[in-house]
């Protein structure tokens, strides 16, 4: 039982540690001190849903709908490129008064962006549904499988809230437009890199 819990926690943690689209957006929200709790909660709950579906068996969905991975990949590429361009445009304009003053952007806009980067990103499905689902197959006992899934979900909550509120603690030290411009350029590069990886995966 303990083994299943530790495996679920650290497997999930290792999959989301890399700086990806979700993480970059949570980091930015934390540094902007804008709707941090709700942003972290949305990503963690989304992961929890996907992890539950993965442990329950994502393979069945792809067997019934073979085109699903390709559709998700194309949609993910489109969103990542658009969001990367938006961050480059923001860096070009260099207007960061709201970020430096800690003024919140509309919660609806923040959640909409996080929803797109979460649910249109095939890497999220690969990590939570496919990989975690595959690892969970080794646990045939119902209770062990449940412990594995709950531990994986716990890792997601711990990670996102640590990232969001860890960034909040650093926010007072980042009061320059130059920093925000650099952060937006870095986020754009991450988005383009992920999109390019998706493009290569279908060619």
N, C-alpha and C. Protein backbone atom coordinates (compact mmCIF):
# COMPACT_ATOMS: atom_id res chain seq x y z
N UNK A 1 0.83 -1.20 0.00
CA UNK A 1 0.00 0.00 0.00
C UNK A 1 0.87 1.27 0.00
N UNK A 2 1.90 1.26 0.88
CA UNK A 2 2.81 2.39 0.95
C UNK A 2 3.58 2.53 -0.36
N UNK A 3 3.97 1.40 -0.91
CA UNK A 3 4.70 1.40 -2.18
C UNK A 3 3.87 2.02 -3.30
N UNK A 4 2.59 1.68 -3.34
CA UNK A 4 1.70 2.23 -4.37
C UNK A 4 1.57 3.74 -4.19
N UNK A 5 1.46 4.19 -2.93
CA UNK A 5 1.35 5.62 -2.67
C UNK A 5 2.59 6.39 -3.07
N UNK A 6 3.74 5.86 -2.71
CA UNK A 6 5.00 6.54 -3.06
C UNK A 6 5.21 6.56 -4.57
N UNK A 7 4.88 5.44 -5.21
CA UNK A 7 5.02 5.38 -6.67
C UNK A 7 4.11 6.40 -7.35
N UNK A 8 2.87 6.48 -6.92
CA UNK A 8 1.94 7.44 -7.49
C UNK A 8 2.38 8.87 -7.29
N UNK A 9 2.83 9.19 -6.08
CA UNK A 9 3.24 10.56 -5.76
C UNK A 9 4.44 10.99 -6.59
N UNK A 10 5.49 10.19 -6.57
CA UNK A 10 6.74 10.61 -7.21
C UNK A 10 6.69 10.46 -8.74
N UNK A 11 5.89 9.53 -9.24
CA UNK A 11 5.72 9.45 -10.69
C UNK A 11 5.00 10.69 -11.20
N UNK A 12 3.93 11.06 -10.52
CA UNK A 12 3.18 12.26 -10.90
C UNK A 12 4.06 13.50 -10.79
N UNK A 13 4.80 13.61 -9.69
CA UNK A 13 5.65 14.79 -9.47
C UNK A 13 6.72 14.90 -10.55
N UNK A 14 7.32 13.78 -10.92
CA UNK A 14 8.39 13.81 -11.92
C UNK A 14 7.87 14.22 -13.29
N UNK A 15 6.60 13.90 -13.58
CA UNK A 15 6.02 14.22 -14.88
C UNK A 15 5.68 15.71 -15.02
N UNK A 16 5.36 16.37 -13.90
CA UNK A 16 4.95 17.78 -13.99
C UNK A 16 6.05 18.75 -13.57
N UNK A 17 7.21 18.23 -13.15
CA UNK A 17 8.29 19.12 -12.70
C UNK A 17 8.87 19.96 -13.84
N UNK A 18 8.94 19.38 -15.02
CA UNK A 18 9.52 20.12 -16.15
C UNK A 18 8.69 21.36 -16.45
N UNK A 19 9.39 22.46 -16.82
CA UNK A 19 8.68 23.69 -17.13
C UNK A 19 7.91 23.52 -18.44
N UNK A 20 6.62 23.47 -18.33
CA UNK A 20 5.76 23.35 -19.50
C UNK A 20 4.81 24.52 -19.58
N UNK A 21 3.81 24.39 -20.42
CA UNK A 21 2.88 25.50 -20.65
C UNK A 21 2.12 25.86 -19.37
N UNK A 22 1.57 24.84 -18.69
CA UNK A 22 0.83 25.08 -17.45
C UNK A 22 1.72 25.75 -16.41
N UNK A 23 2.90 25.18 -16.21
CA UNK A 23 3.80 25.68 -15.17
C UNK A 23 4.22 27.12 -15.44
N UNK A 24 4.48 27.43 -16.70
CA UNK A 24 4.89 28.79 -17.05
C UNK A 24 3.78 29.79 -16.73
N UNK A 25 2.54 29.40 -16.98
CA UNK A 25 1.43 30.31 -16.71
C UNK A 25 1.19 30.47 -15.21
N UNK A 26 1.32 29.39 -14.44
CA UNK A 26 1.17 29.48 -12.99
C UNK A 26 2.28 30.36 -12.41
N UNK A 27 3.49 30.19 -12.92
CA UNK A 27 4.61 31.01 -12.47
C UNK A 27 4.33 32.49 -12.73
N UNK A 28 3.81 32.78 -13.91
CA UNK A 28 3.52 34.17 -14.26
C UNK A 28 2.41 34.74 -13.36
N UNK A 29 1.37 33.95 -13.09
CA UNK A 29 0.30 34.41 -12.20
C UNK A 29 0.84 34.68 -10.80
N UNK A 30 1.72 33.80 -10.34
CA UNK A 30 2.28 33.98 -9.01
C UNK A 30 3.12 35.24 -8.91
N UNK A 31 3.93 35.49 -9.92
CA UNK A 31 4.76 36.69 -9.91
C UNK A 31 3.91 37.95 -10.04
N UNK A 32 2.80 37.84 -10.75
CA UNK A 32 1.89 38.98 -10.89
C UNK A 32 0.96 39.12 -9.68
N UNK A 33 0.98 38.11 -8.78
CA UNK A 33 0.10 38.08 -7.60
C UNK A 33 -1.36 38.24 -8.03
N UNK A 34 -1.73 37.54 -9.08
CA UNK A 34 -3.06 37.67 -9.67
C UNK A 34 -3.80 36.34 -9.65
N UNK A 35 -4.84 36.23 -8.82
CA UNK A 35 -5.71 35.03 -8.78
C UNK A 35 -4.89 33.75 -8.61
N UNK A 36 -3.89 33.80 -7.75
CA UNK A 36 -2.98 32.65 -7.59
C UNK A 36 -3.72 31.41 -7.10
N UNK A 37 -4.54 31.57 -6.06
CA UNK A 37 -5.24 30.41 -5.50
C UNK A 37 -6.10 29.72 -6.55
N UNK A 38 -6.91 30.51 -7.27
CA UNK A 38 -7.83 29.92 -8.24
C UNK A 38 -7.08 29.31 -9.42
N UNK A 39 -5.98 29.93 -9.81
CA UNK A 39 -5.18 29.38 -10.91
C UNK A 39 -4.58 28.03 -10.52
N UNK A 40 -4.01 27.98 -9.31
CA UNK A 40 -3.42 26.73 -8.82
C UNK A 40 -4.50 25.66 -8.66
N UNK A 41 -5.64 26.06 -8.09
CA UNK A 41 -6.72 25.10 -7.87
C UNK A 41 -7.24 24.55 -9.19
N UNK A 42 -7.39 25.42 -10.18
CA UNK A 42 -7.91 24.96 -11.48
C UNK A 42 -6.98 23.91 -12.09
N UNK A 43 -5.67 24.19 -12.09
CA UNK A 43 -4.72 23.25 -12.68
C UNK A 43 -4.67 21.93 -11.91
N UNK A 44 -4.70 22.02 -10.57
CA UNK A 44 -4.64 20.82 -9.75
C UNK A 44 -5.89 19.96 -9.93
N UNK A 45 -7.06 20.60 -9.95
CA UNK A 45 -8.31 19.85 -10.13
C UNK A 45 -8.38 19.24 -11.53
N UNK A 46 -7.91 19.99 -12.53
CA UNK A 46 -7.88 19.45 -13.89
C UNK A 46 -6.99 18.22 -13.95
N UNK A 47 -5.83 18.30 -13.31
CA UNK A 47 -4.94 17.14 -13.25
C UNK A 47 -5.61 15.98 -12.55
N UNK A 48 -6.32 16.28 -11.46
CA UNK A 48 -6.99 15.22 -10.70
C UNK A 48 -8.00 14.48 -11.58
N UNK A 49 -8.75 15.23 -12.37
CA UNK A 49 -9.74 14.61 -13.27
C UNK A 49 -9.04 13.73 -14.30
N UNK A 50 -7.97 14.25 -14.89
CA UNK A 50 -7.25 13.50 -15.91
C UNK A 50 -6.55 12.28 -15.33
N UNK A 51 -6.00 12.41 -14.13
CA UNK A 51 -5.35 11.27 -13.47
C UNK A 51 -6.38 10.18 -13.19
N UNK A 52 -7.55 10.60 -12.70
CA UNK A 52 -8.61 9.62 -12.41
C UNK A 52 -9.02 8.88 -13.68
N UNK A 53 -9.15 9.62 -14.78
CA UNK A 53 -9.51 8.99 -16.05
C UNK A 53 -8.40 8.06 -16.54
N UNK A 54 -7.15 8.48 -16.31
CA UNK A 54 -6.02 7.65 -16.73
C UNK A 54 -5.96 6.35 -15.97
N UNK A 55 -6.13 6.43 -14.65
CA UNK A 55 -6.11 5.23 -13.82
C UNK A 55 -7.30 4.34 -14.17
N UNK A 56 -8.43 4.96 -14.51
CA UNK A 56 -9.62 4.19 -14.88
C UNK A 56 -9.46 3.52 -16.25
N UNK A 57 -8.60 4.11 -17.12
CA UNK A 57 -8.35 3.48 -18.41
C UNK A 57 -8.59 4.39 -19.61
N UNK A 58 -7.56 5.17 -19.98
CA UNK A 58 -7.65 6.06 -21.14
C UNK A 58 -7.58 5.29 -22.46
N UNK A 59 -6.94 4.12 -22.40
CA UNK A 59 -6.77 3.33 -23.62
C UNK A 59 -8.09 3.01 -24.30
N UNK A 60 -9.15 2.85 -23.51
CA UNK A 60 -10.45 2.53 -24.09
C UNK A 60 -10.96 3.65 -24.99
N UNK A 61 -10.70 4.91 -24.58
CA UNK A 61 -11.17 6.05 -25.38
C UNK A 61 -10.44 6.12 -26.71
N UNK A 62 -9.12 5.91 -26.69
CA UNK A 62 -8.37 5.99 -27.94
C UNK A 62 -8.66 4.81 -28.86
N UNK A 63 -9.05 3.69 -28.29
CA UNK A 63 -9.44 2.55 -29.12
C UNK A 63 -10.75 2.86 -29.86
N UNK A 64 -11.65 3.54 -29.19
CA UNK A 64 -12.93 3.88 -29.80
C UNK A 64 -12.81 5.05 -30.76
N UNK A 65 -11.90 6.00 -30.43
CA UNK A 65 -11.72 7.19 -31.25
C UNK A 65 -10.23 7.34 -31.60
N UNK A 66 -9.76 6.59 -32.60
CA UNK A 66 -8.33 6.59 -32.95
C UNK A 66 -7.80 7.97 -33.35
N UNK A 67 -8.68 8.84 -33.84
CA UNK A 67 -8.24 10.16 -34.28
C UNK A 67 -8.07 11.14 -33.13
N UNK A 68 -8.48 10.76 -31.92
CA UNK A 68 -8.45 11.67 -30.78
C UNK A 68 -7.06 12.25 -30.50
N UNK A 69 -6.00 11.44 -30.46
CA UNK A 69 -4.67 12.01 -30.19
C UNK A 69 -4.25 13.05 -31.23
N UNK A 70 -4.54 12.80 -32.51
CA UNK A 70 -4.17 13.74 -33.57
C UNK A 70 -4.95 15.05 -33.43
N UNK A 71 -6.24 14.95 -33.14
CA UNK A 71 -7.07 16.16 -32.96
C UNK A 71 -6.53 17.00 -31.81
N UNK A 72 -6.20 16.35 -30.70
CA UNK A 72 -5.66 17.06 -29.54
C UNK A 72 -4.32 17.71 -29.86
N UNK A 73 -3.50 17.01 -30.65
CA UNK A 73 -2.18 17.53 -31.00
C UNK A 73 -2.29 18.79 -31.85
N UNK A 74 -3.14 18.75 -32.86
CA UNK A 74 -3.30 19.91 -33.74
C UNK A 74 -3.87 21.10 -32.97
N UNK A 75 -4.88 20.85 -32.14
CA UNK A 75 -5.44 21.91 -31.32
C UNK A 75 -4.42 22.50 -30.37
N UNK A 76 -3.62 21.63 -29.77
CA UNK A 76 -2.58 22.09 -28.86
C UNK A 76 -1.53 22.94 -29.54
N UNK A 77 -1.12 22.54 -30.73
CA UNK A 77 -0.12 23.33 -31.48
C UNK A 77 -0.65 24.73 -31.77
N UNK A 78 -1.90 24.79 -32.22
CA UNK A 78 -2.49 26.09 -32.55
C UNK A 78 -2.54 27.02 -31.35
N UNK A 79 -2.97 26.49 -30.21
CA UNK A 79 -3.05 27.33 -29.03
C UNK A 79 -1.67 27.78 -28.56
N UNK A 80 -0.72 26.86 -28.52
CA UNK A 80 0.62 27.19 -28.02
C UNK A 80 1.28 28.27 -28.87
N UNK A 81 1.13 28.17 -30.18
CA UNK A 81 1.72 29.18 -31.07
C UNK A 81 1.06 30.54 -30.84
N UNK A 82 -0.27 30.54 -30.73
CA UNK A 82 -0.99 31.80 -30.50
C UNK A 82 -0.60 32.43 -29.17
N UNK A 83 -0.53 31.62 -28.13
CA UNK A 83 -0.19 32.17 -26.83
C UNK A 83 1.26 32.67 -26.81
N UNK A 84 2.16 31.93 -27.47
CA UNK A 84 3.55 32.38 -27.57
C UNK A 84 3.66 33.72 -28.28
N UNK A 85 2.89 33.90 -29.34
CA UNK A 85 2.88 35.17 -30.07
C UNK A 85 2.33 36.31 -29.20
N UNK A 86 1.33 36.00 -28.40
CA UNK A 86 0.77 37.00 -27.49
C UNK A 86 1.82 37.46 -26.47
N UNK A 87 2.60 36.54 -25.96
CA UNK A 87 3.62 36.90 -24.98
C UNK A 87 4.75 37.70 -25.65
N UNK A 88 5.09 37.36 -26.89
CA UNK A 88 6.10 38.14 -27.61
C UNK A 88 5.59 39.56 -27.88
N UNK A 89 4.33 39.68 -28.22
CA UNK A 89 3.74 41.00 -28.46
C UNK A 89 3.75 41.83 -27.17
N UNK A 90 3.43 41.17 -26.05
CA UNK A 90 3.47 41.86 -24.77
C UNK A 90 4.89 42.32 -24.44
N UNK A 91 5.87 41.48 -24.74
CA UNK A 91 7.27 41.85 -24.49
C UNK A 91 7.69 43.01 -25.38
N UNK A 92 7.21 43.01 -26.62
CA UNK A 92 7.53 44.10 -27.55
C UNK A 92 6.95 45.42 -27.07
N UNK A 93 5.69 45.38 -26.60
CA UNK A 93 5.05 46.60 -26.11
C UNK A 93 5.69 47.07 -24.81
N UNK A 94 6.05 46.12 -23.95
CA UNK A 94 6.74 46.46 -22.71
C UNK A 94 5.92 47.20 -21.69
N UNK A 95 4.59 47.05 -21.72
CA UNK A 95 3.72 47.73 -20.76
C UNK A 95 3.35 46.74 -19.66
N UNK A 96 3.96 46.92 -18.48
CA UNK A 96 3.77 45.97 -17.38
C UNK A 96 3.34 46.66 -16.10
N UNK A 97 2.60 47.74 -16.23
CA UNK A 97 2.16 48.47 -15.04
C UNK A 97 1.32 47.60 -14.11
N UNK A 98 0.40 46.84 -14.70
CA UNK A 98 -0.49 46.00 -13.89
C UNK A 98 0.30 44.94 -13.13
N UNK A 99 1.26 44.30 -13.81
CA UNK A 99 2.06 43.26 -13.16
C UNK A 99 2.90 43.83 -12.02
N UNK A 100 3.54 44.97 -12.26
CA UNK A 100 4.43 45.55 -11.25
C UNK A 100 3.65 46.13 -10.07
N UNK A 101 2.42 46.57 -10.32
CA UNK A 101 1.60 47.13 -9.25
C UNK A 101 0.74 46.07 -8.57
N UNK A 102 0.77 44.84 -9.12
CA UNK A 102 -0.02 43.77 -8.53
C UNK A 102 -1.50 43.87 -8.82
N UNK A 103 -1.88 44.60 -9.88
CA UNK A 103 -3.30 44.72 -10.21
C UNK A 103 -3.77 43.45 -10.92
N UNK A 104 -4.88 42.92 -10.47
CA UNK A 104 -5.36 41.64 -10.98
C UNK A 104 -6.03 41.79 -12.34
N UNK A 105 -5.76 40.82 -13.20
CA UNK A 105 -6.50 40.73 -14.46
C UNK A 105 -7.79 39.96 -14.19
N UNK A 106 -8.78 40.07 -15.08
CA UNK A 106 -10.06 39.37 -14.83
C UNK A 106 -9.85 37.87 -14.61
N UNK A 107 -10.50 37.35 -13.58
CA UNK A 107 -10.37 35.93 -13.26
C UNK A 107 -10.82 35.06 -14.43
N UNK A 108 -11.89 35.47 -15.10
CA UNK A 108 -12.39 34.69 -16.23
C UNK A 108 -11.35 34.53 -17.32
N UNK A 109 -10.60 35.58 -17.62
CA UNK A 109 -9.58 35.52 -18.66
C UNK A 109 -8.44 34.59 -18.25
N UNK A 110 -8.07 34.66 -16.96
CA UNK A 110 -7.00 33.80 -16.45
C UNK A 110 -7.40 32.33 -16.56
N UNK A 111 -8.62 32.00 -16.10
CA UNK A 111 -9.09 30.62 -16.13
C UNK A 111 -9.25 30.12 -17.56
N UNK A 112 -9.72 31.00 -18.46
CA UNK A 112 -9.89 30.61 -19.86
C UNK A 112 -8.55 30.23 -20.48
N UNK A 113 -7.52 31.02 -20.20
CA UNK A 113 -6.19 30.72 -20.73
C UNK A 113 -5.66 29.41 -20.15
N UNK A 114 -5.85 29.22 -18.84
CA UNK A 114 -5.39 27.98 -18.21
C UNK A 114 -6.17 26.77 -18.73
N UNK A 115 -7.46 26.96 -18.98
CA UNK A 115 -8.27 25.86 -19.51
C UNK A 115 -7.76 25.45 -20.89
N UNK A 116 -7.43 26.43 -21.71
CA UNK A 116 -6.94 26.12 -23.05
C UNK A 116 -5.59 25.41 -22.99
N UNK A 117 -4.67 25.93 -22.17
CA UNK A 117 -3.34 25.35 -22.12
C UNK A 117 -3.34 23.98 -21.43
N UNK A 118 -4.38 23.73 -20.63
CA UNK A 118 -4.49 22.43 -19.97
C UNK A 118 -5.19 21.40 -20.86
N UNK A 119 -6.37 21.76 -21.33
CA UNK A 119 -7.20 20.77 -22.03
C UNK A 119 -6.91 20.67 -23.52
N UNK A 120 -6.12 21.60 -24.08
CA UNK A 120 -5.73 21.49 -25.49
C UNK A 120 -4.28 21.06 -25.65
N UNK A 121 -3.64 20.71 -24.55
CA UNK A 121 -2.23 20.33 -24.59
C UNK A 121 -2.09 18.81 -24.55
N UNK A 122 -1.72 18.18 -25.66
CA UNK A 122 -1.61 16.72 -25.69
C UNK A 122 -0.61 16.17 -24.69
N UNK A 123 0.42 16.96 -24.32
CA UNK A 123 1.39 16.48 -23.34
C UNK A 123 0.73 16.21 -21.99
N UNK A 124 -0.27 17.01 -21.65
CA UNK A 124 -0.99 16.80 -20.40
C UNK A 124 -1.70 15.44 -20.43
N UNK A 125 -2.30 15.13 -21.56
CA UNK A 125 -2.99 13.84 -21.70
C UNK A 125 -1.98 12.69 -21.67
N UNK A 126 -0.84 12.89 -22.32
CA UNK A 126 0.18 11.85 -22.35
C UNK A 126 0.67 11.54 -20.94
N UNK A 127 0.94 12.61 -20.17
CA UNK A 127 1.47 12.43 -18.82
C UNK A 127 0.44 11.85 -17.86
N UNK A 128 -0.73 12.47 -17.82
CA UNK A 128 -1.71 12.09 -16.80
C UNK A 128 -2.53 10.85 -17.18
N UNK A 129 -2.97 10.80 -18.42
CA UNK A 129 -3.83 9.69 -18.82
C UNK A 129 -3.02 8.48 -19.26
N UNK A 130 -2.11 8.69 -20.21
CA UNK A 130 -1.41 7.55 -20.80
C UNK A 130 -0.33 6.99 -19.86
N UNK A 131 0.63 7.84 -19.44
CA UNK A 131 1.76 7.34 -18.65
C UNK A 131 1.35 6.90 -17.25
N UNK A 132 0.63 7.75 -16.54
CA UNK A 132 0.19 7.36 -15.20
C UNK A 132 -0.78 6.18 -15.27
N UNK A 133 -1.62 6.20 -16.31
CA UNK A 133 -2.52 5.07 -16.50
C UNK A 133 -1.77 3.77 -16.71
N UNK A 134 -0.68 3.85 -17.49
CA UNK A 134 0.13 2.66 -17.76
C UNK A 134 0.81 2.15 -16.49
N UNK A 135 1.33 3.08 -15.69
CA UNK A 135 2.01 2.69 -14.44
C UNK A 135 1.01 2.05 -13.47
N UNK A 136 -0.21 2.55 -13.47
CA UNK A 136 -1.21 2.06 -12.51
C UNK A 136 -1.68 0.64 -12.82
N UNK A 137 -1.41 0.18 -14.04
CA UNK A 137 -1.88 -1.15 -14.45
C UNK A 137 -1.30 -2.25 -13.56
N UNK A 138 -0.09 -2.00 -13.01
CA UNK A 138 0.56 -3.02 -12.20
C UNK A 138 -0.19 -3.30 -10.90
N UNK A 139 -1.08 -2.38 -10.50
CA UNK A 139 -1.83 -2.55 -9.26
C UNK A 139 -3.21 -3.11 -9.57
N UNK A 140 -3.35 -4.40 -9.35
CA UNK A 140 -4.62 -5.07 -9.65
C UNK A 140 -5.59 -4.98 -8.48
N UNK A 141 -5.05 -4.80 -7.27
CA UNK A 141 -5.91 -4.64 -6.09
C UNK A 141 -6.57 -3.27 -6.13
N UNK A 142 -7.87 -3.22 -5.92
CA UNK A 142 -8.62 -1.97 -6.01
C UNK A 142 -8.14 -0.90 -5.05
N UNK A 143 -7.80 -1.28 -3.82
CA UNK A 143 -7.35 -0.31 -2.82
C UNK A 143 -5.98 0.25 -3.19
N UNK A 144 -5.09 -0.60 -3.68
CA UNK A 144 -3.77 -0.13 -4.10
C UNK A 144 -3.88 0.85 -5.27
N UNK A 145 -4.76 0.54 -6.21
CA UNK A 145 -4.96 1.43 -7.35
C UNK A 145 -5.52 2.78 -6.88
N UNK A 146 -6.43 2.75 -5.90
CA UNK A 146 -7.00 3.98 -5.36
C UNK A 146 -5.92 4.81 -4.67
N UNK A 147 -5.08 4.15 -3.87
CA UNK A 147 -3.99 4.85 -3.17
C UNK A 147 -3.02 5.45 -4.18
N UNK A 148 -2.71 4.72 -5.23
CA UNK A 148 -1.83 5.22 -6.29
C UNK A 148 -2.41 6.49 -6.90
N UNK A 149 -3.69 6.44 -7.26
CA UNK A 149 -4.33 7.60 -7.89
C UNK A 149 -4.41 8.80 -6.96
N UNK A 150 -4.80 8.58 -5.69
CA UNK A 150 -4.89 9.69 -4.73
C UNK A 150 -3.53 10.31 -4.47
N UNK A 151 -2.49 9.50 -4.43
CA UNK A 151 -1.13 10.01 -4.21
C UNK A 151 -0.66 10.83 -5.40
N UNK A 152 -1.01 10.38 -6.60
CA UNK A 152 -0.65 11.14 -7.80
C UNK A 152 -1.36 12.49 -7.82
N UNK A 153 -2.63 12.51 -7.40
CA UNK A 153 -3.39 13.75 -7.32
C UNK A 153 -2.79 14.68 -6.27
N UNK A 154 -2.40 14.11 -5.13
CA UNK A 154 -1.77 14.91 -4.06
C UNK A 154 -0.51 15.59 -4.55
N UNK A 155 0.30 14.88 -5.33
CA UNK A 155 1.54 15.45 -5.87
C UNK A 155 1.23 16.66 -6.75
N UNK A 156 0.16 16.56 -7.52
CA UNK A 156 -0.23 17.66 -8.39
C UNK A 156 -0.62 18.89 -7.58
N UNK A 157 -1.42 18.70 -6.54
CA UNK A 157 -1.82 19.82 -5.68
C UNK A 157 -0.60 20.45 -5.01
N UNK A 158 0.29 19.62 -4.47
CA UNK A 158 1.49 20.12 -3.80
C UNK A 158 2.34 20.93 -4.76
N UNK A 159 2.51 20.42 -5.97
CA UNK A 159 3.38 21.10 -6.94
C UNK A 159 2.82 22.45 -7.36
N UNK A 160 1.57 22.48 -7.81
CA UNK A 160 1.02 23.73 -8.34
C UNK A 160 0.92 24.82 -7.27
N UNK A 161 0.50 24.46 -6.06
CA UNK A 161 0.39 25.48 -5.02
C UNK A 161 1.78 25.94 -4.55
N UNK A 162 2.75 25.03 -4.55
CA UNK A 162 4.11 25.42 -4.20
C UNK A 162 4.69 26.37 -5.24
N UNK A 163 4.43 26.07 -6.51
CA UNK A 163 4.93 26.92 -7.60
C UNK A 163 4.27 28.30 -7.56
N UNK A 164 2.94 28.31 -7.43
CA UNK A 164 2.22 29.58 -7.44
C UNK A 164 2.59 30.47 -6.27
N UNK A 165 2.56 29.92 -5.05
CA UNK A 165 2.83 30.74 -3.88
C UNK A 165 4.33 30.94 -3.65
N UNK A 166 5.15 30.06 -4.19
CA UNK A 166 6.59 30.31 -4.15
C UNK A 166 6.94 31.51 -5.01
N UNK A 167 6.27 31.63 -6.14
CA UNK A 167 6.48 32.79 -7.02
C UNK A 167 5.97 34.06 -6.35
N UNK A 168 4.86 33.96 -5.61
CA UNK A 168 4.32 35.13 -4.90
C UNK A 168 5.35 35.70 -3.94
N UNK A 169 6.09 34.82 -3.27
CA UNK A 169 7.10 35.27 -2.31
C UNK A 169 8.22 36.04 -3.00
N UNK A 170 8.48 35.70 -4.27
CA UNK A 170 9.56 36.37 -5.01
C UNK A 170 9.08 37.64 -5.70
N UNK A 171 7.77 37.80 -5.83
CA UNK A 171 7.21 38.91 -6.60
C UNK A 171 7.74 40.29 -6.19
N UNK A 172 7.89 40.60 -4.89
CA UNK A 172 8.36 41.94 -4.53
C UNK A 172 9.74 42.29 -5.07
N UNK A 173 10.52 41.25 -5.42
CA UNK A 173 11.88 41.50 -5.91
C UNK A 173 11.91 41.75 -7.42
N UNK A 174 10.78 41.57 -8.08
CA UNK A 174 10.74 41.72 -9.53
C UNK A 174 9.83 42.89 -9.91
N UNK A 175 10.37 44.06 -9.74
CA UNK A 175 9.59 45.28 -9.94
C UNK A 175 10.01 46.04 -11.20
N UNK A 176 10.66 45.37 -12.12
CA UNK A 176 11.11 46.08 -13.32
C UNK A 176 10.44 45.52 -14.56
N UNK A 177 10.18 46.40 -15.51
CA UNK A 177 9.59 45.98 -16.79
C UNK A 177 10.56 45.07 -17.54
N UNK A 178 11.86 45.28 -17.34
CA UNK A 178 12.86 44.45 -18.04
C UNK A 178 12.70 42.99 -17.63
N UNK A 179 12.47 42.73 -16.35
CA UNK A 179 12.27 41.35 -15.90
C UNK A 179 11.05 40.74 -16.56
N UNK A 180 9.93 41.49 -16.55
CA UNK A 180 8.70 40.96 -17.11
C UNK A 180 8.83 40.71 -18.61
N UNK A 181 9.57 41.58 -19.29
CA UNK A 181 9.81 41.38 -20.72
C UNK A 181 10.59 40.07 -20.94
N UNK A 182 11.62 39.86 -20.13
CA UNK A 182 12.42 38.64 -20.24
C UNK A 182 11.60 37.40 -19.94
N UNK A 183 10.73 37.50 -18.92
CA UNK A 183 9.88 36.36 -18.57
C UNK A 183 8.94 36.02 -19.71
N UNK A 184 8.33 37.03 -20.33
CA UNK A 184 7.41 36.78 -21.44
C UNK A 184 8.13 36.17 -22.64
N UNK A 185 9.33 36.63 -22.92
CA UNK A 185 10.10 36.04 -24.02
C UNK A 185 10.42 34.57 -23.71
N UNK A 186 10.80 34.30 -22.46
CA UNK A 186 11.12 32.92 -22.06
C UNK A 186 9.88 32.03 -22.18
N UNK A 187 8.73 32.55 -21.74
CA UNK A 187 7.49 31.77 -21.85
C UNK A 187 7.15 31.51 -23.31
N UNK A 188 7.33 32.51 -24.17
CA UNK A 188 7.06 32.34 -25.61
C UNK A 188 7.95 31.24 -26.19
N UNK A 189 9.23 31.24 -25.80
CA UNK A 189 10.15 30.22 -26.29
C UNK A 189 9.70 28.83 -25.85
N UNK A 190 9.26 28.71 -24.59
CA UNK A 190 8.75 27.42 -24.09
C UNK A 190 7.55 26.98 -24.91
N UNK A 191 6.62 27.91 -25.17
CA UNK A 191 5.42 27.57 -25.94
C UNK A 191 5.77 27.09 -27.35
N UNK A 192 6.67 27.83 -28.00
CA UNK A 192 7.07 27.46 -29.37
C UNK A 192 7.80 26.12 -29.38
N UNK A 193 8.63 25.88 -28.36
CA UNK A 193 9.38 24.62 -28.29
C UNK A 193 8.43 23.44 -28.13
N UNK A 194 7.42 23.60 -27.27
CA UNK A 194 6.43 22.52 -27.08
C UNK A 194 5.64 22.29 -28.36
N UNK A 195 5.25 23.40 -29.02
CA UNK A 195 4.50 23.29 -30.27
C UNK A 195 5.33 22.58 -31.34
N UNK A 196 6.63 22.91 -31.40
CA UNK A 196 7.50 22.26 -32.38
C UNK A 196 7.63 20.76 -32.09
N UNK A 197 7.72 20.44 -30.78
CA UNK A 197 7.77 19.02 -30.41
C UNK A 197 6.52 18.28 -30.82
N UNK A 198 5.36 18.93 -30.70
CA UNK A 198 4.12 18.31 -31.14
C UNK A 198 4.10 18.15 -32.65
N UNK A 199 4.61 19.17 -33.36
CA UNK A 199 4.67 19.09 -34.83
C UNK A 199 5.53 17.90 -35.27
N UNK A 200 6.66 17.73 -34.63
CA UNK A 200 7.55 16.61 -34.98
C UNK A 200 6.89 15.27 -34.68
N UNK A 201 6.04 15.25 -33.65
CA UNK A 201 5.42 13.97 -33.26
C UNK A 201 4.41 13.48 -34.28
N UNK A 202 3.91 14.38 -35.15
CA UNK A 202 2.92 13.96 -36.15
C UNK A 202 3.52 13.92 -37.55
N UNK A 203 4.83 14.11 -37.68
CA UNK A 203 5.48 14.05 -38.98
C UNK A 203 6.60 13.01 -38.98
